[in-house]
Amino acid sequence: MNILIIENVSMGHAKYGFFDKRFLTMFSILPTLYARRVYAITPKTHFVDIVNERYSHIDFNKSYDLVHINLTSSSAHRGYEIADRFKKKGVTVVLSGMHVSALPEEARQHADSILLGSGELNWLQLLDDLEKNDLKPLYSPVQYDDSVSIPPTNIRLPGVILSGAIEATRGCPYNCIFCRESNLQRGSQLYKRPVDEVVAEIAQLPQKTFTFYDTSLTIDPGYTKLLFSKMKGLNKKFSCNGNVDVLAHDKEFIRLSKEAGCVSWLIGFESISQITLNNIGKKTNKIIDYEQVVKNIHDNKMLVIGCFIFGFDTDTKDTFDETLRIIKNLKIDIVDFLVLTPFPGTPLYDKFEREGRILSKDWSKYNMKNVVFEPKNMSIDELLQGIKTLYNEFYSIPYTVKRVINCIGFGFYPLFLLLERNYSAYMQKRLLKYSK
């Protein structure tokens, strides 16, 4: 069969220029791993094209037997448009992704079949059924076991890719109420690829640098320590995600990550309020550990990338100034300031829906840059303005220069990443212009 896989078809109201798209693509910021995973597991008897509409063109005139579109909430509307267009041509259409899993009845209106969950095994079932002319309207997730490996993702994508991407583990057991991944079907189960298999894939990457796309590499420290130990001789540089609890208390873990080539840790701090963290189920975070986790990472000459979310019911207008003060005191190198978004399929969405606080179901706005719900202790404008002020002050020229100077001693790769992420933050700030 001739198969077309499409992902990342839109990002709501975001407007990227030509250079922005190429820049983000080269550093693997735009492409996800889903298409690569599906491609990797697809039998080689099929011919597969991969398209990311943000930087590639969809050829609707090319002959395909099957079109597989992977959706997020913000890309759902555009994805449905593409699906309907192919269906009118008589092409079989399959939809997948977190939004599809959250709202399967909505998605089925635009597809011949849908895949639930984030795994690939139900994709193989679908292909087998389609060849037998027995396509089912819905395929539930298939659980991995010791006999089946999560497939590698080291395939060639269109365009120039300067930074690779790897997945060693999948899933997160913490079930924070706002998290799409852990609340996806089987998303709270942790799957681990064999360490030697991951190391072999990293060694084969054509790029010097890459990113671990794992939700968190600190969920099973023993597994990750073994992985880092075996990566020491690969001469690669990488970034990854982790949680406060392990990074604050396990100095051997951090040392091993540095020796393996780590240049930065992205940490979901989420909030400076312990009450907020407790309410949202962020079990790994203790405010008293924030200072230690930053110190441990900086002591090993790696960057700290912090993620903070605003709009929780415990947040007030004072939260923004206090957060900025603490961030500066902690000397966090890079920060993402995000709008709380109640994604369909999460407990947060269900809660706000029960309370009548969902203001919009225009899924294109569900990109963590728009306010789609009624905040409790501030207005929508106050929430947006608070985040805009944080971006303006944290990424002001004087403070950016100060952060760059502080990181010069970390070496070339952390410094380059700092400059690259500052540019990305500039683009994220621009997206807030489209928030209303």
Foldseek 3Di string as FASTA:
>chain_A
DEEEEEEQADQFPADDDLVRLQLCQQAVNRDDLQVLLLVQPDPPVYHYDYDYNSNDDDDLPDDGQEYEYEDDLLCVVVSLVVLQSNVVVVHAYEYEYLQCQLPVVVVLVRHQAYEFDRANPQVVVQVVCVVVVRHDRYTYDDDDDPVDFRGWRQDDDPHNHQAAETEFKFADQQQFQQDSQNLGVCRHPIDGGPLVVRLVSLLPRPHQEYEHPYPAPAPPLVRQLVNLVVQLPSNHAYEYEHELQCLLPPLSSLLSNVSSHYAEYEYEQAALDPVQCVVRRVVRDDNVSLLRSLVSNVVSLHAYEYEYEDQPQPDALVRLVVVLVVCVVSLHQHYDYFYRARGRSGNSVVVQVVVVFQQDSSSSLRNRLADRGAGNHDGRVSRLVSSLVSLCVCLPPVNNVVSLVVNVVSDDPSSVVSVSVSVVSVSSSVVNVVHD
